[in-house]
Amino acid sequence: MPDIRWSHVAGSPSVTGMKLTLDNPKTVAAPFGDRFAHVARLDLPGGALLMLAGQVAVDDGGRVVAPGDAGKQAERIFELIEAILRAHGAELRDVLHIRTYLTDLGDLPAYGAVRRRLFPGSPPPASTTVQVSGLFLPGAVLEVEVTAAAPAAS
């Protein structure tokens, strides 16, 4: 059986038919200090999986947008997510799973309203939502990461 452990230093996985790409698309500001990739793209026969890093509501300068306002932060976060997805040929409708971290579950109605507007289909994507004691940026009340499908690279 082939060794499928991947090294971020050595490059792509060793499993035949798969290719791993870690990317920071130019469509969004680079992560803080380039400490991580915005997206891990795993190309498979027939398509790709996109695993996005958690996104918080920041502007292009890294400042928190609408501190304390979950609804406005959700809007900004999904703008960022959409830009990352589009850089890899996907859209919001291609999202398979959403993971949400809220600092206060009381913000769920404001966040939920944005999600219902952006994901109107039935059923919506699979979802996990948890409350956390805090996020890494003061004023950020919400972090969202998604997994999506994308077309095969051409």
C-alpha atoms as a PDB file:
ATOM      1  CA  MET A   1       0.000   0.000   0.000  1.00  0.00           C
ATOM      2  CA  PRO A   2       1.447   3.393  -0.920  1.00  0.00           C
ATOM      3  CA  ASP A   3       2.373   5.854   1.794  1.00  0.00           C
ATOM      4  CA  ILE A   4      -0.278   8.582   1.591  1.00  0.00           C
ATOM      5  CA  ARG A   5       1.159  10.881   4.265  1.00  0.00           C
ATOM      6  CA  TRP A   6       1.850  14.239   2.665  1.00  0.00           C
ATOM      7  CA  SER A   7       4.673  16.585   3.310  1.00  0.00           C
ATOM      8  CA  HIS A   8       4.048  20.282   2.907  1.00  0.00           C
ATOM      9  CA  VAL A   9       7.755  20.616   2.245  1.00  0.00           C
ATOM     10  CA  ALA A  10       8.088  17.813  -0.299  1.00  0.00           C
ATOM     11  CA  GLY A  11       5.061  18.850  -2.367  1.00  0.00           C
ATOM     12  CA  SER A  12       2.292  16.695  -3.764  1.00  0.00           C
ATOM     13  CA  PRO A  13       0.923  13.460  -2.322  1.00  0.00           C
ATOM     14  CA  SER A  14       2.350  10.219  -3.604  1.00  0.00           C
ATOM     15  CA  VAL A  15      -0.957   8.522  -4.413  1.00  0.00           C
ATOM     16  CA  THR A  16      -1.472   7.992  -8.146  1.00  0.00           C
ATOM     17  CA  GLY A  17      -4.136  10.257  -9.634  1.00  0.00           C
ATOM     18  CA  MET A  18      -4.052  12.848  -6.838  1.00  0.00           C
ATOM     19  CA  LYS A  19      -2.343  16.209  -6.754  1.00  0.00           C
ATOM     20  CA  LEU A  20      -2.243  18.521  -3.739  1.00  0.00           C
ATOM     21  CA  THR A  21      -1.900  22.272  -4.221  1.00  0.00           C
ATOM     22  CA  LEU A  22      -1.710  24.757  -1.339  1.00  0.00           C
ATOM     23  CA  ASP A  23      -2.707  28.196  -2.591  1.00  0.00           C
ATOM     24  CA  ASN A  24      -3.256  31.813  -1.653  1.00  0.00           C
ATOM     25  CA  PRO A  25      -5.237  33.208  -4.614  1.00  0.00           C
ATOM     26  CA  LYS A  26      -4.588  36.789  -5.600  1.00  0.00           C
ATOM     27  CA  THR A  27      -8.358  37.401  -5.352  1.00  0.00           C
ATOM     28  CA  VAL A  28      -8.018  37.857  -1.564  1.00  0.00           C
ATOM     29  CA  ALA A  29      -5.386  39.358   0.714  1.00  0.00           C
ATOM     30  CA  ALA A  30      -2.648  36.961   1.786  1.00  0.00           C
ATOM     31  CA  PRO A  31      -3.069  35.287   5.180  1.00  0.00           C
ATOM     32  CA  PHE A  32      -1.482  36.947   8.187  1.00  0.00           C
ATOM     33  CA  GLY A  33       2.272  36.567   7.849  1.00  0.00           C
ATOM     34  CA  ASP A  34       1.832  33.877   5.179  1.00  0.00           C
ATOM     35  CA  ARG A  35       1.479  31.354   8.015  1.00  0.00           C
ATOM     36  CA  PHE A  36      -1.004  29.161   6.157  1.00  0.00           C
ATOM     37  CA  ALA A  37      -2.673  28.622   2.806  1.00  0.00           C
ATOM     38  CA  HIS A  38      -6.201  29.911   2.196  1.00  0.00           C
ATOM     39  CA  VAL A  39      -7.042  26.721   0.301  1.00  0.00           C
ATOM     40  CA  ALA A  40      -5.834  23.175  -0.080  1.00  0.00           C
ATOM     41  CA  ARG A  41      -6.892  21.814  -3.467  1.00  0.00           C
ATOM     42  CA  LEU A  42      -6.858  18.071  -3.930  1.00  0.00           C
ATOM     43  CA  ASP A  43      -7.188  17.196  -7.611  1.00  0.00           C
ATOM     44  CA  LEU A  44      -8.743  13.780  -8.178  1.00  0.00           C
ATOM     45  CA  PRO A  45      -9.813  11.995 -11.329  1.00  0.00           C
ATOM     46  CA  GLY A  46     -12.864  13.903 -12.561  1.00  0.00           C
ATOM     47  CA  GLY A  47     -12.686  16.915 -10.252  1.00  0.00           C
ATOM     48  CA  ALA A  48     -11.194  18.409  -7.113  1.00  0.00           C
ATOM     49  CA  LEU A  49     -11.917  19.004  -3.456  1.00  0.00           C
ATOM     50  CA  LEU A  50     -11.274  22.470  -2.059  1.00  0.00           C
ATOM     51  CA  MET A  51     -10.680  22.750   1.674  1.00  0.00           C
ATOM     52  CA  LEU A  52     -10.659  26.393   2.713  1.00  0.00           C
ATOM     53  CA  ALA A  53      -8.951  27.647   5.836  1.00  0.00           C
ATOM     54  CA  GLY A  54     -11.143  29.445   8.341  1.00  0.00           C
ATOM     55  CA  GLN A  55     -12.031  32.943   7.148  1.00  0.00           C
ATOM     56  CA  VAL A  56     -12.738  35.898   9.405  1.00  0.00           C
ATOM     57  CA  ALA A  57     -14.210  39.237   8.371  1.00  0.00           C
ATOM     58  CA  VAL A  58     -11.175  41.345   7.559  1.00  0.00           C
ATOM     59  CA  ASP A  59     -10.604  44.022   4.968  1.00  0.00           C
ATOM     60  CA  ASP A  60      -7.662  43.973   2.572  1.00  0.00           C
ATOM     61  CA  GLY A  61      -5.504  45.580   5.279  1.00  0.00           C
ATOM     62  CA  GLY A  62      -6.265  42.845   7.808  1.00  0.00           C
ATOM     63  CA  ARG A  63      -8.578  44.972   9.973  1.00  0.00           C
ATOM     64  CA  VAL A  64     -11.745  43.389  11.373  1.00  0.00           C
ATOM     65  CA  VAL A  65     -14.877  44.485   9.510  1.00  0.00           C
ATOM     66  CA  ALA A  66     -17.874  45.499  11.671  1.00  0.00           C
ATOM     67  CA  PRO A  67     -16.446  44.427  15.051  1.00  0.00           C
ATOM     68  CA  GLY A  68     -19.070  42.545  17.060  1.00  0.00           C
ATOM     69  CA  ASP A  69     -21.657  42.400  14.223  1.00  0.00           C
ATOM     70  CA  ALA A  70     -22.170  38.770  13.180  1.00  0.00           C
ATOM     71  CA  GLY A  71     -24.452  39.582  10.248  1.00  0.00           C
ATOM     72  CA  LYS A  72     -22.060  42.054   8.620  1.00  0.00           C
ATOM     73  CA  GLN A  73     -19.105  39.808   9.373  1.00  0.00           C
ATOM     74  CA  ALA A  74     -20.912  36.873   7.734  1.00  0.00           C
ATOM     75  CA  GLU A  75     -21.434  38.973   4.592  1.00  0.00           C
ATOM     76  CA  ARG A  76     -17.712  39.790   4.396  1.00  0.00           C
ATOM     77  CA  ILE A  77     -16.618  36.229   5.164  1.00  0.00           C
ATOM     78  CA  PHE A  78     -18.744  34.787   2.378  1.00  0.00           C
ATOM     79  CA  GLU A  79     -17.379  37.441  -0.028  1.00  0.00           C
ATOM     80  CA  LEU A  80     -13.892  36.151   0.791  1.00  0.00           C
ATOM     81  CA  ILE A  81     -14.964  32.523   0.502  1.00  0.00           C
ATOM     82  CA  GLU A  82     -16.605  33.189  -2.850  1.00  0.00           C
ATOM     83  CA  ALA A  83     -13.447  34.897  -4.166  1.00  0.00           C
ATOM     84  CA  ILE A  84     -11.285  31.938  -3.111  1.00  0.00           C
ATOM     85  CA  LEU A  85     -13.707  29.438  -4.648  1.00  0.00           C
ATOM     86  CA  ARG A  86     -13.887  31.370  -7.938  1.00  0.00           C
ATOM     87  CA  ALA A  87     -10.097  31.401  -8.173  1.00  0.00           C
ATOM     88  CA  HIS A  88     -10.378  27.608  -8.385  1.00  0.00           C
ATOM     89  CA  GLY A  89     -13.367  27.424 -10.755  1.00  0.00           C
ATOM     90  CA  ALA A  90     -16.010  26.853  -8.067  1.00  0.00           C
ATOM     91  CA  GLU A  91     -18.933  28.846  -6.670  1.00  0.00           C
ATOM     92  CA  LEU A  92     -20.973  28.935  -3.478  1.00  0.00           C
ATOM     93  CA  ARG A  93     -23.359  26.380  -4.982  1.00  0.00           C
ATOM     94  CA  ASP A  94     -20.418  23.922  -4.995  1.00  0.00           C
ATOM     95  CA  VAL A  95     -20.008  24.051  -1.200  1.00  0.00           C
ATOM     96  CA  LEU A  96     -20.385  20.617   0.384  1.00  0.00           C
ATOM     97  CA  HIS A  97     -19.809  21.385   4.067  1.00  0.00           C
ATOM     98  CA  ILE A  98     -19.663  24.526   6.214  1.00  0.00           C
ATOM     99  CA  ARG A  99     -17.941  24.723   9.613  1.00  0.00           C
ATOM    100  CA  THR A 100     -18.842  27.750  11.686  1.00  0.00           C
ATOM    101  CA  TYR A 101     -17.236  29.033  14.871  1.00  0.00           C
ATOM    102  CA  LEU A 102     -19.265  31.649  16.785  1.00  0.00           C
ATOM    103  CA  THR A 103     -18.182  33.402  19.957  1.00  0.00           C
ATOM    104  CA  ASP A 104     -21.851  33.696  20.995  1.00  0.00           C
ATOM    105  CA  LEU A 105     -24.638  31.374  19.823  1.00  0.00           C
ATOM    106  CA  GLY A 106     -26.954  34.354  20.320  1.00  0.00           C
ATOM    107  CA  ASP A 107     -25.511  35.583  16.992  1.00  0.00           C
ATOM    108  CA  LEU A 108     -26.865  32.519  15.187  1.00  0.00           C
ATOM    109  CA  PRO A 109     -30.031  34.263  13.855  1.00  0.00           C
ATOM    110  CA  ALA A 110     -28.008  37.053  12.164  1.00  0.00           C
ATOM    111  CA  TYR A 111     -25.524  34.564  10.723  1.00  0.00           C
ATOM    112  CA  GLY A 112     -28.305  32.176   9.715  1.00  0.00           C
ATOM    113  CA  ALA A 113     -30.121  34.898   7.767  1.00  0.00           C
ATOM    114  CA  VAL A 114     -27.039  35.466   5.621  1.00  0.00           C
ATOM    115  CA  ARG A 115     -26.550  31.740   5.083  1.00  0.00           C
ATOM    116  CA  ARG A 116     -30.184  31.170   4.093  1.00  0.00           C
ATOM    117  CA  ARG A 117     -29.910  33.930   1.497  1.00  0.00           C
ATOM    118  CA  LEU A 118     -26.646  32.590   0.056  1.00  0.00           C
ATOM    119  CA  PHE A 119     -27.621  28.897   0.204  1.00  0.00           C
ATOM    120  CA  PRO A 120     -31.329  28.878  -0.682  1.00  0.00           C
ATOM    121  CA  GLY A 121     -31.464  25.278  -1.906  1.00  0.00           C
ATOM    122  CA  SER A 122     -32.986  22.423  -0.017  1.00  0.00           C
ATOM    123  CA  PRO A 123     -31.229  20.786   1.581  1.00  0.00           C
ATOM    124  CA  PRO A 124     -28.448  23.300   2.217  1.00  0.00           C
ATOM    125  CA  PRO A 125     -24.824  22.113   2.559  1.00  0.00           C
ATOM    126  CA  ALA A 126     -23.860  19.859   5.457  1.00  0.00           C
ATOM    127  CA  SER A 127     -22.992  21.994   8.455  1.00  0.00           C
ATOM    128  CA  THR A 128     -21.288  22.082  11.827  1.00  0.00           C
ATOM    129  CA  THR A 129     -21.653  25.092  14.135  1.00  0.00           C
ATOM    130  CA  VAL A 130     -19.904  25.464  17.474  1.00  0.00           C
ATOM    131  CA  GLN A 131     -19.475  28.161  20.076  1.00  0.00           C
ATOM    132  CA  VAL A 132     -15.895  29.066  20.959  1.00  0.00           C
ATOM    133  CA  SER A 133     -14.547  31.213  23.774  1.00  0.00           C
ATOM    134  CA  GLY A 134     -12.803  33.581  21.391  1.00  0.00           C
ATOM    135  CA  LEU A 135     -11.160  34.095  18.019  1.00  0.00           C
ATOM    136  CA  PHE A 136      -7.640  35.314  17.305  1.00  0.00           C
ATOM    137  CA  LEU A 137      -8.610  38.884  16.326  1.00  0.00           C
ATOM    138  CA  PRO A 138     -10.366  41.225  18.779  1.00  0.00           C
ATOM    139  CA  GLY A 139     -13.819  42.110  17.453  1.00  0.00           C
ATOM    140  CA  ALA A 140     -14.109  38.985  15.287  1.00  0.00           C
ATOM    141  CA  VAL A 141     -17.183  37.041  16.390  1.00  0.00           C
ATOM    142  CA  LEU A 142     -17.367  34.527  13.557  1.00  0.00           C
ATOM    143  CA  GLU A 143     -15.038  32.247  11.584  1.00  0.00           C
ATOM    144  CA  VAL A 144     -16.168  30.046   8.690  1.00  0.00           C
ATOM    145  CA  GLU A 145     -14.402  27.309   6.762  1.00  0.00           C
ATOM    146  CA  VAL A 146     -15.843  25.329   3.879  1.00  0.00           C
ATOM    147  CA  THR A 147     -15.192  22.262   1.789  1.00  0.00           C
ATOM    148  CA  ALA A 148     -16.312  22.467  -1.836  1.00  0.00           C
ATOM    149  CA  ALA A 149     -16.177  20.519  -5.077  1.00  0.00           C
ATOM    150  CA  ALA A 150     -14.496  22.021  -8.113  1.00  0.00           C
ATOM    151  CA  PRO A 151     -14.213  20.994 -11.746  1.00  0.00           C
ATOM    152  CA  ALA A 152     -11.112  19.163 -12.895  1.00  0.00           C
ATOM    153  CA  ALA A 153      -8.152  21.397 -13.699  1.00  0.00           C
ATOM    154  CA  SER A 154      -7.822  22.054 -17.401  1.00  0.00           C
END
